[in-house]
Amino acid sequence: MRYACLVYFDPATAFDGSATSNAVLQEAETNRQHLLAGGISAEALTLPSDAVTVRVRGGKTSTTDGPFMETKEVLGGFVLIEAEDIDAAVRIAATNPMAKLGSIEVRPLVDFSKPRPVV
């Protein structure tokens, strides 16, 4: 099954210039390069202040600068992985160095070829 590992962190902590944060960021980039070399999609995102939120209502498109929600931790990157089950995906996510500065949300990707459960 495919999973998205969504990387969240507080930019004030991740980019505080400390030796610890800088070491983790370098470790994260090394990890990202290793994942890319193995064919795994892994990318960092710019800060939410660079984002634009798009909505279409009644056929009209509107945009808002920045993210919709306000929170200390922001979505800072993602990794797309293949894993046997959620437990295996969690074990893989735990190897991401950014888990030391923030958190990694592991979420299954939707397989549109299969029926979706009714919510």
N, C-alpha and C. Protein backbone atom coordinates (compact mmCIF):
# COMPACT_ATOMS: atom_id res chain seq x y z
N MET A 1 0.84 -1.17 0.00
CA MET A 1 0.00 0.00 0.00
C MET A 1 0.89 1.24 0.00
N ARG A 2 0.38 2.30 -0.59
CA ARG A 2 1.14 3.55 -0.64
C ARG A 2 0.71 4.47 0.50
N TYR A 3 1.68 5.20 1.04
CA TYR A 3 1.43 6.11 2.16
C TYR A 3 2.12 7.44 1.91
N ALA A 4 1.50 8.50 2.38
CA ALA A 4 2.14 9.82 2.41
C ALA A 4 2.62 10.05 3.83
N CYS A 5 3.87 10.41 3.97
CA CYS A 5 4.42 10.80 5.27
C CYS A 5 4.54 12.32 5.23
N LEU A 6 3.64 12.98 5.94
CA LEU A 6 3.57 14.44 5.93
C LEU A 6 4.41 14.98 7.07
N VAL A 7 5.36 15.82 6.74
CA VAL A 7 6.34 16.32 7.71
C VAL A 7 5.88 17.68 8.24
N TYR A 8 5.66 17.76 9.56
CA TYR A 8 5.25 19.00 10.20
C TYR A 8 6.33 19.45 11.18
N PHE A 9 6.55 20.75 11.25
CA PHE A 9 7.49 21.30 12.22
C PHE A 9 7.19 22.76 12.46
N ASP A 10 7.72 23.28 13.56
CA ASP A 10 7.61 24.69 13.89
C ASP A 10 8.82 25.39 13.28
N PRO A 11 8.63 26.27 12.29
CA PRO A 11 9.78 26.93 11.66
C PRO A 11 10.66 27.69 12.66
N ALA A 12 10.06 28.21 13.72
CA ALA A 12 10.85 28.94 14.72
C ALA A 12 11.86 28.02 15.40
N THR A 13 11.54 26.74 15.50
CA THR A 13 12.47 25.76 16.08
C THR A 13 13.41 25.21 15.01
N ALA A 14 12.86 24.83 13.87
CA ALA A 14 13.67 24.20 12.82
C ALA A 14 14.72 25.15 12.25
N PHE A 15 14.39 26.42 12.18
CA PHE A 15 15.30 27.40 11.56
C PHE A 15 15.84 28.40 12.58
N ASP A 16 16.06 27.93 13.82
CA ASP A 16 16.54 28.84 14.87
C ASP A 16 18.04 29.09 14.82
N GLY A 17 18.73 28.42 13.90
CA GLY A 17 20.16 28.63 13.73
C GLY A 17 21.04 27.87 14.72
N SER A 18 20.42 27.07 15.59
CA SER A 18 21.21 26.33 16.57
C SER A 18 21.97 25.20 15.88
N ALA A 19 23.03 24.77 16.52
CA ALA A 19 23.82 23.66 15.98
C ALA A 19 22.98 22.40 15.85
N THR A 20 22.09 22.17 16.82
CA THR A 20 21.23 20.98 16.79
C THR A 20 20.29 21.03 15.60
N SER A 21 19.60 22.14 15.42
CA SER A 21 18.65 22.26 14.30
C SER A 21 19.38 22.17 12.97
N ASN A 22 20.51 22.86 12.85
CA ASN A 22 21.27 22.81 11.60
C ASN A 22 21.74 21.40 11.28
N ALA A 23 22.14 20.65 12.30
CA ALA A 23 22.58 19.27 12.09
C ALA A 23 21.42 18.40 11.62
N VAL A 24 20.24 18.58 12.22
CA VAL A 24 19.07 17.79 11.81
C VAL A 24 18.66 18.16 10.39
N LEU A 25 18.69 19.44 10.04
CA LEU A 25 18.33 19.86 8.68
C LEU A 25 19.30 19.26 7.66
N GLN A 26 20.58 19.22 7.98
CA GLN A 26 21.55 18.61 7.07
C GLN A 26 21.30 17.10 6.97
N GLU A 27 21.00 16.48 8.10
CA GLU A 27 20.69 15.04 8.11
C GLU A 27 19.43 14.78 7.27
N ALA A 28 18.45 15.67 7.37
CA ALA A 28 17.21 15.52 6.60
C ALA A 28 17.48 15.62 5.10
N GLU A 29 18.36 16.54 4.70
CA GLU A 29 18.68 16.67 3.27
C GLU A 29 19.44 15.44 2.78
N THR A 30 20.34 14.93 3.57
CA THR A 30 21.06 13.70 3.21
C THR A 30 20.07 12.54 3.07
N ASN A 31 19.12 12.45 3.99
CA ASN A 31 18.09 11.41 3.95
C ASN A 31 17.23 11.58 2.69
N ARG A 32 16.86 12.82 2.36
CA ARG A 32 16.04 13.09 1.17
C ARG A 32 16.77 12.63 -0.09
N GLN A 33 18.05 12.95 -0.19
CA GLN A 33 18.83 12.54 -1.36
C GLN A 33 18.91 11.01 -1.46
N HIS A 34 19.05 10.34 -0.33
CA HIS A 34 19.08 8.88 -0.29
C HIS A 34 17.74 8.31 -0.77
N LEU A 35 16.64 8.89 -0.30
CA LEU A 35 15.31 8.42 -0.72
C LEU A 35 15.10 8.64 -2.21
N LEU A 36 15.47 9.82 -2.71
CA LEU A 36 15.32 10.11 -4.14
C LEU A 36 16.13 9.13 -4.98
N ALA A 37 17.33 8.81 -4.54
CA ALA A 37 18.17 7.86 -5.27
C ALA A 37 17.53 6.48 -5.34
N GLY A 38 16.70 6.16 -4.34
CA GLY A 38 16.00 4.88 -4.31
C GLY A 38 14.63 4.93 -4.99
N GLY A 39 14.31 6.05 -5.64
CA GLY A 39 13.05 6.17 -6.37
C GLY A 39 11.87 6.57 -5.51
N ILE A 40 12.12 7.07 -4.31
CA ILE A 40 11.04 7.50 -3.42
C ILE A 40 10.89 9.01 -3.52
N SER A 41 9.67 9.49 -3.73
CA SER A 41 9.42 10.93 -3.79
C SER A 41 9.53 11.52 -2.40
N ALA A 42 10.41 12.50 -2.25
CA ALA A 42 10.61 13.17 -0.96
C ALA A 42 10.98 14.62 -1.25
N GLU A 43 10.16 15.55 -0.81
CA GLU A 43 10.40 16.96 -1.10
C GLU A 43 10.10 17.83 0.10
N ALA A 44 10.82 18.92 0.20
CA ALA A 44 10.55 19.95 1.21
C ALA A 44 9.67 21.02 0.57
N LEU A 45 8.89 21.68 1.39
CA LEU A 45 8.02 22.76 0.93
C LEU A 45 8.53 24.09 1.47
N THR A 46 8.22 25.18 0.75
CA THR A 46 8.53 26.49 1.29
C THR A 46 7.55 26.78 2.41
N LEU A 47 7.76 27.87 3.13
CA LEU A 47 6.89 28.21 4.26
C LEU A 47 5.49 28.59 3.79
N PRO A 48 4.49 28.45 4.66
CA PRO A 48 3.11 28.75 4.30
C PRO A 48 2.90 30.17 3.77
N SER A 49 3.73 31.09 4.17
CA SER A 49 3.58 32.47 3.68
C SER A 49 3.75 32.55 2.17
N ASP A 50 4.35 31.55 1.55
CA ASP A 50 4.51 31.50 0.10
C ASP A 50 3.33 30.83 -0.60
N ALA A 51 2.42 30.26 0.18
CA ALA A 51 1.32 29.45 -0.38
C ALA A 51 0.16 30.32 -0.86
N VAL A 52 -0.63 29.74 -1.73
CA VAL A 52 -1.90 30.31 -2.17
C VAL A 52 -2.93 29.20 -2.04
N THR A 53 -4.05 29.49 -1.39
CA THR A 53 -5.14 28.53 -1.26
C THR A 53 -6.16 28.83 -2.34
N VAL A 54 -6.57 27.80 -3.09
CA VAL A 54 -7.51 27.94 -4.20
C VAL A 54 -8.82 27.27 -3.84
N ARG A 55 -9.92 27.96 -4.08
CA ARG A 55 -11.26 27.40 -3.89
C ARG A 55 -12.09 27.70 -5.13
N VAL A 56 -12.96 26.76 -5.48
CA VAL A 56 -13.92 26.98 -6.56
C VAL A 56 -15.30 26.78 -5.97
N ARG A 57 -16.10 27.81 -5.99
CA ARG A 57 -17.48 27.76 -5.47
C ARG A 57 -18.40 28.37 -6.52
N GLY A 58 -19.43 27.63 -6.86
CA GLY A 58 -20.38 28.13 -7.85
C GLY A 58 -19.72 28.45 -9.18
N GLY A 59 -18.68 27.69 -9.53
CA GLY A 59 -18.00 27.90 -10.79
C GLY A 59 -17.01 29.05 -10.79
N LYS A 60 -16.86 29.73 -9.66
CA LYS A 60 -15.93 30.86 -9.57
C LYS A 60 -14.72 30.48 -8.73
N THR A 61 -13.55 30.83 -9.24
CA THR A 61 -12.30 30.54 -8.54
C THR A 61 -11.90 31.73 -7.69
N SER A 62 -11.54 31.44 -6.45
CA SER A 62 -11.00 32.49 -5.58
C SER A 62 -9.69 31.99 -4.98
N THR A 63 -8.82 32.91 -4.68
CA THR A 63 -7.54 32.56 -4.07
C THR A 63 -7.33 33.40 -2.81
N THR A 64 -6.64 32.80 -1.87
CA THR A 64 -6.27 33.48 -0.62
C THR A 64 -4.79 33.25 -0.41
N ASP A 65 -4.07 34.31 -0.09
CA ASP A 65 -2.65 34.14 0.20
C ASP A 65 -2.48 33.33 1.47
N GLY A 66 -1.51 32.42 1.45
CA GLY A 66 -1.21 31.63 2.63
C GLY A 66 -2.13 30.46 2.82
N PRO A 67 -1.89 29.71 3.91
CA PRO A 67 -2.71 28.54 4.20
C PRO A 67 -4.02 28.94 4.84
N PHE A 68 -4.98 28.05 4.82
CA PHE A 68 -6.29 28.32 5.42
C PHE A 68 -6.23 28.33 6.94
N MET A 69 -5.49 27.40 7.51
CA MET A 69 -5.46 27.28 8.96
C MET A 69 -4.24 27.99 9.54
N GLU A 70 -4.38 28.40 10.78
CA GLU A 70 -3.25 29.00 11.49
C GLU A 70 -2.82 28.04 12.59
N THR A 71 -1.56 27.69 12.59
CA THR A 71 -1.01 26.77 13.58
C THR A 71 0.48 27.03 13.70
N LYS A 72 1.05 26.64 14.81
CA LYS A 72 2.49 26.82 14.99
C LYS A 72 3.27 25.91 14.06
N GLU A 73 2.89 24.64 14.04
CA GLU A 73 3.57 23.70 13.15
C GLU A 73 2.97 23.80 11.76
N VAL A 74 3.81 23.71 10.75
CA VAL A 74 3.37 23.82 9.37
C VAL A 74 3.77 22.56 8.61
N LEU A 75 3.06 22.29 7.52
CA LEU A 75 3.43 21.20 6.63
C LEU A 75 4.69 21.64 5.90
N GLY A 76 5.78 20.94 6.15
CA GLY A 76 7.06 21.35 5.60
C GLY A 76 7.62 20.44 4.53
N GLY A 77 6.98 19.29 4.31
CA GLY A 77 7.46 18.38 3.30
C GLY A 77 6.66 17.10 3.29
N PHE A 78 7.01 16.23 2.36
CA PHE A 78 6.31 14.95 2.26
C PHE A 78 7.23 13.90 1.68
N VAL A 79 6.91 12.65 2.00
CA VAL A 79 7.60 11.50 1.44
C VAL A 79 6.51 10.51 1.04
N LEU A 80 6.57 10.00 -0.18
CA LEU A 80 5.61 8.99 -0.64
C LEU A 80 6.31 7.64 -0.59
N ILE A 81 5.74 6.71 0.18
CA ILE A 81 6.38 5.41 0.39
C ILE A 81 5.43 4.26 0.06
N GLU A 82 6.02 3.10 -0.13
CA GLU A 82 5.28 1.84 -0.23
C GLU A 82 5.58 1.07 1.04
N ALA A 83 4.56 0.52 1.68
CA ALA A 83 4.75 -0.27 2.89
C ALA A 83 3.69 -1.35 2.95
N GLU A 84 4.00 -2.43 3.64
CA GLU A 84 3.08 -3.56 3.76
C GLU A 84 1.79 -3.17 4.48
N ASP A 85 1.92 -2.37 5.53
CA ASP A 85 0.76 -1.92 6.30
C ASP A 85 1.13 -0.65 7.06
N ILE A 86 0.19 -0.10 7.82
CA ILE A 86 0.42 1.16 8.53
C ILE A 86 1.56 1.04 9.53
N ASP A 87 1.70 -0.12 10.18
CA ASP A 87 2.79 -0.30 11.14
C ASP A 87 4.15 -0.21 10.46
N ALA A 88 4.26 -0.82 9.30
CA ALA A 88 5.52 -0.74 8.55
C ALA A 88 5.77 0.69 8.08
N ALA A 89 4.71 1.38 7.68
CA ALA A 89 4.85 2.78 7.25
C ALA A 89 5.31 3.66 8.41
N VAL A 90 4.81 3.41 9.61
CA VAL A 90 5.23 4.16 10.79
C VAL A 90 6.71 3.92 11.08
N ARG A 91 7.14 2.68 10.94
CA ARG A 91 8.56 2.38 11.17
C ARG A 91 9.44 3.14 10.18
N ILE A 92 9.00 3.21 8.93
CA ILE A 92 9.76 3.95 7.92
C ILE A 92 9.75 5.45 8.26
N ALA A 93 8.58 5.97 8.63
CA ALA A 93 8.47 7.40 8.96
C ALA A 93 9.36 7.77 10.14
N ALA A 94 9.51 6.87 11.07
CA ALA A 94 10.32 7.14 12.26
C ALA A 94 11.80 7.33 11.93
N THR A 95 12.22 6.91 10.74
CA THR A 95 13.62 7.11 10.34
C THR A 95 13.86 8.50 9.76
N ASN A 96 12.80 9.28 9.55
CA ASN A 96 12.94 10.63 9.00
C ASN A 96 13.54 11.55 10.06
N PRO A 97 14.69 12.17 9.80
CA PRO A 97 15.31 13.03 10.79
C PRO A 97 14.43 14.18 11.26
N MET A 98 13.50 14.64 10.44
CA MET A 98 12.66 15.77 10.84
C MET A 98 11.71 15.40 11.97
N ALA A 99 11.54 14.11 12.26
CA ALA A 99 10.73 13.71 13.41
C ALA A 99 11.38 14.18 14.71
N LYS A 100 12.67 14.50 14.67
CA LYS A 100 13.37 15.01 15.85
C LYS A 100 13.00 16.46 16.14
N LEU A 101 12.56 17.20 15.12
CA LEU A 101 12.20 18.61 15.27
C LEU A 101 10.70 18.85 15.23
N GLY A 102 9.96 17.90 14.71
CA GLY A 102 8.51 18.07 14.56
C GLY A 102 7.81 16.73 14.63
N SER A 103 6.93 16.48 13.68
CA SER A 103 6.19 15.22 13.66
C SER A 103 5.99 14.77 12.22
N ILE A 104 5.71 13.49 12.06
CA ILE A 104 5.44 12.91 10.75
C ILE A 104 4.06 12.28 10.82
N GLU A 105 3.14 12.78 10.01
CA GLU A 105 1.80 12.18 9.92
C GLU A 105 1.84 11.15 8.80
N VAL A 106 1.45 9.92 9.10
CA VAL A 106 1.42 8.85 8.11
C VAL A 106 -0.03 8.64 7.70
N ARG A 107 -0.29 8.78 6.41
CA ARG A 107 -1.66 8.66 5.93
C ARG A 107 -1.70 7.82 4.66
N PRO A 108 -2.58 6.80 4.63
CA PRO A 108 -2.71 5.99 3.41
C PRO A 108 -3.19 6.85 2.23
N LEU A 109 -2.68 6.53 1.05
CA LEU A 109 -3.16 7.19 -0.15
C LEU A 109 -4.40 6.47 -0.66
N VAL A 110 -5.27 7.19 -1.30
CA VAL A 110 -6.51 6.61 -1.82
C VAL A 110 -6.21 5.86 -3.11
N ASP A 111 -6.73 4.66 -3.21
CA ASP A 111 -6.66 3.88 -4.44
C ASP A 111 -8.04 3.97 -5.08
N PHE A 112 -8.17 4.84 -6.08
CA PHE A 112 -9.48 5.08 -6.68
C PHE A 112 -9.99 3.90 -7.50
N SER A 113 -9.17 2.87 -7.68
CA SER A 113 -9.64 1.68 -8.39
C SER A 113 -10.46 0.77 -7.47
N LYS A 114 -10.47 1.08 -6.17
CA LYS A 114 -11.22 0.28 -5.19
C LYS A 114 -12.37 1.11 -4.64
N PRO A 115 -13.48 0.44 -4.26
CA PRO A 115 -14.61 1.18 -3.70
C PRO A 115 -14.22 1.88 -2.40
N ARG A 116 -14.73 3.09 -2.23
CA ARG A 116 -14.46 3.86 -1.01
C ARG A 116 -15.52 3.55 0.03
N PRO A 117 -15.13 3.51 1.31
CA PRO A 117 -16.14 3.30 2.36
C PRO A 117 -17.05 4.52 2.47
N VAL A 118 -18.28 4.28 2.84
CA VAL A 118 -19.24 5.37 3.03
C VAL A 118 -18.96 6.00 4.39
N VAL A 119 -18.87 7.32 4.41
CA VAL A 119 -18.58 8.03 5.66
C VAL A 119 -19.85 8.63 6.21
